[in-house]
Amino acid sequence: MKGLIEGKHFYYNQEGLVVLTEAYHLEKGYCCGNGCKHCPYEFESVPEPRRSQLIKEKESAPAQS
């Protein structure tokens, strides 16, 4: 992934998939609408009803440190 730093902009989950971090999204500057796990923009570009579902899941998830 050109120009991205592992551990800062992304990490690999247990399935080996790339997960983009909140830092990546903040540097990008907008919600892409894909429902990313670490979206800092409250999923503003995700269409309903998926947006409401993602917000509810995020609110009910245990806090991560």
PDB file of N, CA and C in Angstrom:
ATOM      1  N   MET A   1       0.854  -1.169   0.000  1.00  0.00           N
ATOM      2  CA  MET A   1       0.000   0.000   0.000  1.00  0.00           C
ATOM      3  C   MET A   1       0.902   1.235   0.000  1.00  0.00           C
ATOM      4  N   LYS A   2       0.980   1.855  -1.111  1.00  0.00           N
ATOM      5  CA  LYS A   2       1.915   2.946  -1.349  1.00  0.00           C
ATOM      6  C   LYS A   2       1.675   4.148  -0.429  1.00  0.00           C
ATOM      7  N   GLY A   3       2.720   4.556   0.278  1.00  0.00           N
ATOM      8  CA  GLY A   3       2.680   5.741   1.124  1.00  0.00           C
ATOM      9  C   GLY A   3       2.022   5.554   2.478  1.00  0.00           C
ATOM     10  N   LEU A   4       1.484   4.387   2.747  1.00  0.00           N
ATOM     11  CA  LEU A   4       0.830   4.146   4.025  1.00  0.00           C
ATOM     12  C   LEU A   4       1.767   3.393   4.963  1.00  0.00           C
ATOM     13  N   ILE A   5       1.639   3.691   6.248  1.00  0.00           N
ATOM     14  CA  ILE A   5       2.499   3.084   7.249  1.00  0.00           C
ATOM     15  C   ILE A   5       1.687   2.090   8.068  1.00  0.00           C
ATOM     16  N   GLU A   6       2.146   0.841   8.057  1.00  0.00           N
ATOM     17  CA  GLU A   6       1.468  -0.188   8.849  1.00  0.00           C
ATOM     18  C   GLU A   6       1.550   0.179  10.326  1.00  0.00           C
ATOM     19  N   GLY A   7       0.440   0.061  11.020  1.00  0.00           N
ATOM     20  CA  GLY A   7       0.371   0.419  12.422  1.00  0.00           C
ATOM     21  C   GLY A   7      -0.103   1.849  12.646  1.00  0.00           C
ATOM     22  N   LYS A   8       0.079   2.700  11.656  1.00  0.00           N
ATOM     23  CA  LYS A   8      -0.423   4.077  11.741  1.00  0.00           C
ATOM     24  C   LYS A   8      -1.664   4.238  10.866  1.00  0.00           C
ATOM     25  N   HIS A   9      -1.555   3.860   9.606  1.00  0.00           N
ATOM     26  CA  HIS A   9      -2.657   4.037   8.659  1.00  0.00           C
ATOM     27  C   HIS A   9      -3.512   2.781   8.484  1.00  0.00           C
ATOM     28  N   PHE A  10      -2.935   1.636   8.775  1.00  0.00           N
ATOM     29  CA  PHE A  10      -3.668   0.386   8.604  1.00  0.00           C
ATOM     30  C   PHE A  10      -3.040  -0.715   9.436  1.00  0.00           C
ATOM     31  N   TYR A  11      -3.798  -1.812   9.576  1.00  0.00           N
ATOM     32  CA  TYR A  11      -3.294  -3.034  10.189  1.00  0.00           C
ATOM     33  C   TYR A  11      -3.999  -4.202   9.525  1.00  0.00           C
ATOM     34  N   TYR A  12      -3.503  -5.393   9.776  1.00  0.00           N
ATOM     35  CA  TYR A  12      -4.127  -6.601   9.244  1.00  0.00           C
ATOM     36  C   TYR A  12      -4.942  -7.259  10.358  1.00  0.00           C
ATOM     37  N   ASN A  13      -6.198  -7.602  10.048  1.00  0.00           N
ATOM     38  CA  ASN A  13      -7.023  -8.279  11.053  1.00  0.00           C
ATOM     39  C   ASN A  13      -6.707  -9.774  11.074  1.00  0.00           C
ATOM     40  N   GLN A  14      -7.411 -10.532  11.903  1.00  0.00           N
ATOM     41  CA  GLN A  14      -7.136 -11.962  12.057  1.00  0.00           C
ATOM     42  C   GLN A  14      -7.342 -12.744  10.771  1.00  0.00           C
ATOM     43  N   GLU A  15      -8.184 -12.225   9.882  1.00  0.00           N
ATOM     44  CA  GLU A  15      -8.424 -12.900   8.600  1.00  0.00           C
ATOM     45  C   GLU A  15      -7.408 -12.491   7.535  1.00  0.00           C
ATOM     46  N   GLY A  16      -6.486 -11.590   7.893  1.00  0.00           N
ATOM     47  CA  GLY A  16      -5.465 -11.137   6.957  1.00  0.00           C
ATOM     48  C   GLY A  16      -5.913  -9.989   6.072  1.00  0.00           C
ATOM     49  N   LEU A  17      -7.059  -9.401   6.381  1.00  0.00           N
ATOM     50  CA  LEU A  17      -7.566  -8.276   5.596  1.00  0.00           C
ATOM     51  C   LEU A  17      -7.013  -6.961   6.130  1.00  0.00           C
ATOM     52  N   VAL A  18      -6.851  -5.988   5.248  1.00  0.00           N
ATOM     53  CA  VAL A  18      -6.368  -4.669   5.635  1.00  0.00           C
ATOM     54  C   VAL A  18      -7.516  -3.894   6.269  1.00  0.00           C
ATOM     55  N   VAL A  19      -7.250  -3.300   7.432  1.00  0.00           N
ATOM     56  CA  VAL A  19      -8.221  -2.456   8.130  1.00  0.00           C
ATOM     57  C   VAL A  19      -7.598  -1.067   8.240  1.00  0.00           C
ATOM     58  N   LEU A  20      -8.280  -0.072   7.689  1.00  0.00           N
ATOM     59  CA  LEU A  20      -7.781   1.298   7.729  1.00  0.00           C
ATOM     60  C   LEU A  20      -8.100   1.916   9.090  1.00  0.00           C
ATOM     61  N   THR A  21      -7.141   2.665   9.641  1.00  0.00           N
ATOM     62  CA  THR A  21      -7.288   3.232  10.975  1.00  0.00           C
ATOM     63  C   THR A  21      -7.993   4.593  10.935  1.00  0.00           C
ATOM     64  N   GLU A  22      -8.373   5.063  12.118  1.00  0.00           N
ATOM     65  CA  GLU A  22      -8.976   6.389  12.233  1.00  0.00           C
ATOM     66  C   GLU A  22      -8.003   7.453  11.726  1.00  0.00           C
ATOM     67  N   ALA A  23      -6.710   7.287  12.023  1.00  0.00           N
ATOM     68  CA  ALA A  23      -5.702   8.251  11.561  1.00  0.00           C
ATOM     69  C   ALA A  23      -5.712   8.352  10.035  1.00  0.00           C
ATOM     70  N   TYR A  24      -5.828   7.225   9.348  1.00  0.00           N
ATOM     71  CA  TYR A  24      -5.901   7.236   7.886  1.00  0.00           C
ATOM     72  C   TYR A  24      -7.099   8.057   7.423  1.00  0.00           C
ATOM     73  N   HIS A  25      -8.260   7.777   8.020  1.00  0.00           N
ATOM     74  CA  HIS A  25      -9.486   8.467   7.604  1.00  0.00           C
ATOM     75  C   HIS A  25      -9.413   9.962   7.890  1.00  0.00           C
ATOM     76  N   LEU A  26      -8.844  10.341   9.025  1.00  0.00           N
ATOM     77  CA  LEU A  26      -8.714  11.759   9.350  1.00  0.00           C
ATOM     78  C   LEU A  26      -7.799  12.468   8.357  1.00  0.00           C
ATOM     79  N   GLU A  27      -6.719  11.807   7.943  1.00  0.00           N
ATOM     80  CA  GLU A  27      -5.823  12.393   6.942  1.00  0.00           C
ATOM     81  C   GLU A  27      -6.521  12.501   5.589  1.00  0.00           C
ATOM     82  N   LYS A  28      -7.364  11.508   5.261  1.00  0.00           N
ATOM     83  CA  LYS A  28      -8.108  11.537   4.000  1.00  0.00           C
ATOM     84  C   LYS A  28      -9.099  12.695   4.006  1.00  0.00           C
ATOM     85  N   GLY A  29      -9.772  12.898   5.160  1.00  0.00           N
ATOM     86  CA  GLY A  29     -10.602  14.078   5.319  1.00  0.00           C
ATOM     87  C   GLY A  29     -12.091  13.934   5.059  1.00  0.00           C
ATOM     88  N   TYR A  30     -12.573  12.729   4.750  1.00  0.00           N
ATOM     89  CA  TYR A  30     -14.004  12.571   4.491  1.00  0.00           C
ATOM     90  C   TYR A  30     -14.406  11.106   4.624  1.00  0.00           C
ATOM     91  N   CYS A  31     -15.713  10.889   4.768  1.00  0.00           N
ATOM     92  CA  CYS A  31     -16.265   9.530   4.815  1.00  0.00           C
ATOM     93  C   CYS A  31     -16.413   9.013   3.390  1.00  0.00           C
ATOM     94  N   CYS A  32     -15.901   7.820   3.122  1.00  0.00           N
ATOM     95  CA  CYS A  32     -15.964   7.249   1.776  1.00  0.00           C
ATOM     96  C   CYS A  32     -17.283   6.529   1.508  1.00  0.00           C
ATOM     97  N   GLY A  33     -18.061   6.262   2.568  1.00  0.00           N
ATOM     98  CA  GLY A  33     -19.354   5.617   2.385  1.00  0.00           C
ATOM     99  C   GLY A  33     -19.328   4.107   2.388  1.00  0.00           C
ATOM    100  N   ASN A  34     -18.179   3.514   2.726  1.00  0.00           N
ATOM    101  CA  ASN A  34     -18.063   2.059   2.727  1.00  0.00           C
ATOM    102  C   ASN A  34     -18.363   1.422   4.087  1.00  0.00           C
ATOM    103  N   GLY A  35     -18.608   2.230   5.105  1.00  0.00           N
ATOM    104  CA  GLY A  35     -18.890   1.674   6.428  1.00  0.00           C
ATOM    105  C   GLY A  35     -17.652   1.149   7.121  1.00  0.00           C
ATOM    106  N   CYS A  36     -16.559   1.849   6.989  1.00  0.00           N
ATOM    107  CA  CYS A  36     -15.281   1.417   7.566  1.00  0.00           C
ATOM    108  C   CYS A  36     -15.355   1.319   9.085  1.00  0.00           C
ATOM    109  N   LYS A  37     -14.679   0.336   9.630  1.00  0.00           N
ATOM    110  CA  LYS A  37     -14.696   0.046  11.070  1.00  0.00           C
ATOM    111  C   LYS A  37     -14.293   1.257  11.911  1.00  0.00           C
ATOM    112  N   HIS A  38     -13.305   2.013  11.488  1.00  0.00           N
ATOM    113  CA  HIS A  38     -12.775   3.119  12.283  1.00  0.00           C
ATOM    114  C   HIS A  38     -13.167   4.488  11.739  1.00  0.00           C
ATOM    115  N   CYS A  39     -14.316   4.580  11.087  1.00  0.00           N
ATOM    116  CA  CYS A  39     -14.766   5.852  10.510  1.00  0.00           C
ATOM    117  C   CYS A  39     -14.984   6.891  11.607  1.00  0.00           C
ATOM    118  N   PRO A  40     -14.260   8.031  11.540  1.00  0.00           N
ATOM    119  CA  PRO A  40     -14.457   9.086  12.538  1.00  0.00           C
ATOM    120  C   PRO A  40     -15.549  10.080  12.142  1.00  0.00           C
ATOM    121  N   TYR A  41     -16.222   9.829  11.037  1.00  0.00           N
ATOM    122  CA  TYR A  41     -17.204  10.770  10.487  1.00  0.00           C
ATOM    123  C   TYR A  41     -18.648  10.310  10.666  1.00  0.00           C
ATOM    124  N   GLU A  42     -18.887   9.436  11.638  1.00  0.00           N
ATOM    125  CA  GLU A  42     -20.248   8.949  11.922  1.00  0.00           C
ATOM    126  C   GLU A  42     -20.930   8.375  10.682  1.00  0.00           C
ATOM    127  N   PHE A  43     -20.129   7.796   9.784  1.00  0.00           N
ATOM    128  CA  PHE A  43     -20.654   7.110   8.593  1.00  0.00           C
ATOM    129  C   PHE A  43     -21.546   8.026   7.750  1.00  0.00           C
ATOM    130  N   GLU A  44     -21.205   9.319   7.683  1.00  0.00           N
ATOM    131  CA  GLU A  44     -22.082  10.301   7.053  1.00  0.00           C
ATOM    132  C   GLU A  44     -22.402  10.031   5.580  1.00  0.00           C
ATOM    133  N   SER A  45     -21.560   9.323   4.860  1.00  0.00           N
ATOM    134  CA  SER A  45     -21.819   9.040   3.442  1.00  0.00           C
ATOM    135  C   SER A  45     -22.394   7.654   3.192  1.00  0.00           C
ATOM    136  N   VAL A  46     -22.623   6.889   4.256  1.00  0.00           N
ATOM    137  CA  VAL A  46     -23.186   5.540   4.124  1.00  0.00           C
ATOM    138  C   VAL A  46     -24.704   5.669   3.991  1.00  0.00           C
ATOM    139  N   PRO A  47     -25.293   5.054   2.982  1.00  0.00           N
ATOM    140  CA  PRO A  47     -26.746   5.155   2.819  1.00  0.00           C
ATOM    141  C   PRO A  47     -27.511   4.400   3.908  1.00  0.00           C
ATOM    142  N   GLU A  48     -28.700   4.892   4.196  1.00  0.00           N
ATOM    143  CA  GLU A  48     -29.603   4.209   5.128  1.00  0.00           C
ATOM    144  C   GLU A  48     -30.182   2.981   4.431  1.00  0.00           C
ATOM    145  N   PRO A  49     -30.525   1.944   5.130  1.00  0.00           N
ATOM    146  CA  PRO A  49     -30.535   1.808   6.582  1.00  0.00           C
ATOM    147  C   PRO A  49     -29.196   1.341   7.160  1.00  0.00           C
ATOM    148  N   ARG A  50     -28.212   1.118   6.309  1.00  0.00           N
ATOM    149  CA  ARG A  50     -26.905   0.619   6.774  1.00  0.00           C
ATOM    150  C   ARG A  50     -26.257   1.600   7.745  1.00  0.00           C
ATOM    151  N   ARG A  51     -26.381   2.910   7.495  1.00  0.00           N
ATOM    152  CA  ARG A  51     -25.757   3.909   8.366  1.00  0.00           C
ATOM    153  C   ARG A  51     -26.260   3.765   9.803  1.00  0.00           C
ATOM    154  N   SER A  52     -27.562   3.698   9.992  1.00  0.00           N
ATOM    155  CA  SER A  52     -28.129   3.563  11.332  1.00  0.00           C
ATOM    156  C   SER A  52     -27.667   2.282  12.011  1.00  0.00           C
ATOM    157  N   GLN A  53     -27.558   1.214  11.232  1.00  0.00           N
ATOM    158  CA  GLN A  53     -27.097  -0.069  11.772  1.00  0.00           C
ATOM    159  C   GLN A  53     -25.651   0.046  12.260  1.00  0.00           C
ATOM    160  N   LEU A  54     -24.797   0.677  11.472  1.00  0.00           N
ATOM    161  CA  LEU A  54     -23.388   0.828  11.851  1.00  0.00           C
ATOM    162  C   LEU A  54     -23.231   1.693  13.096  1.00  0.00           C
ATOM    163  N   ILE A  55     -24.003   2.771  13.192  1.00  0.00           N
ATOM    164  CA  ILE A  55     -23.940   3.646  14.362  1.00  0.00           C
ATOM    165  C   ILE A  55     -24.367   2.879  15.608  1.00  0.00           C
ATOM    166  N   LYS A  56     -25.433   2.113  15.494  1.00  0.00           N
ATOM    167  CA  LYS A  56     -25.915   1.326  16.626  1.00  0.00           C
ATOM    168  C   LYS A  56     -24.861   0.300  17.058  1.00  0.00           C
ATOM    169  N   GLU A  57     -24.231  -0.383  16.102  1.00  0.00           N
ATOM    170  CA  GLU A  57     -23.185  -1.355  16.415  1.00  0.00           C
ATOM    171  C   GLU A  57     -21.987  -0.691  17.096  1.00  0.00           C
ATOM    172  N   LYS A  58     -21.599   0.476  16.613  1.00  0.00           N
ATOM    173  CA  LYS A  58     -20.453   1.183  17.187  1.00  0.00           C
ATOM    174  C   LYS A  58     -20.735   1.616  18.620  1.00  0.00           C
ATOM    175  N   GLU A  59     -21.967   2.069  18.873  1.00  0.00           N
ATOM    176  CA  GLU A  59     -22.340   2.514  20.215  1.00  0.00           C
ATOM    177  C   GLU A  59     -22.414   1.351  21.199  1.00  0.00           C
ATOM    178  N   SER A  60     -22.776   0.174  20.717  1.00  0.00           N
ATOM    179  CA  SER A  60     -22.930  -0.978  21.620  1.00  0.00           C
ATOM    180  C   SER A  60     -21.643  -1.792  21.759  1.00  0.00           C
ATOM    181  N   ALA A  61     -20.636  -1.483  20.958  1.00  0.00           N
ATOM    182  CA  ALA A  61     -19.357  -2.203  21.033  1.00  0.00           C
ATOM    183  C   ALA A  61     -18.585  -1.791  22.275  1.00  0.00           C
ATOM    184  N   PRO A  62     -17.859  -2.746  22.883  1.00  0.00           N
ATOM    185  CA  PRO A  62     -17.039  -2.391  24.047  1.00  0.00           C
ATOM    186  C   PRO A  62     -15.943  -1.398  23.644  1.00  0.00           C
ATOM    187  N   ALA A  63     -15.634  -0.477  24.526  1.00  0.00           N
ATOM    188  CA  ALA A  63     -14.607   0.528  24.250  1.00  0.00           C
ATOM    189  C   ALA A  63     -13.255  -0.135  24.064  1.00  0.00           C
ATOM    190  N   GLN A  64     -12.501   0.342  23.058  1.00  0.00           N
ATOM    191  CA  GLN A  64     -11.155  -0.186  22.805  1.00  0.00           C
ATOM    192  C   GLN A  64     -10.149   0.830  23.281  1.00  0.00           C
ATOM    193  N   SER A  65      -9.052   0.334  23.865  1.00  0.00           N
ATOM    194  CA  SER A  65      -8.012   1.249  24.346  1.00  0.00           C
ATOM    195  C   SER A  65      -6.874   1.353  23.370  1.00  0.00           C
TER     196      SER A  65
END
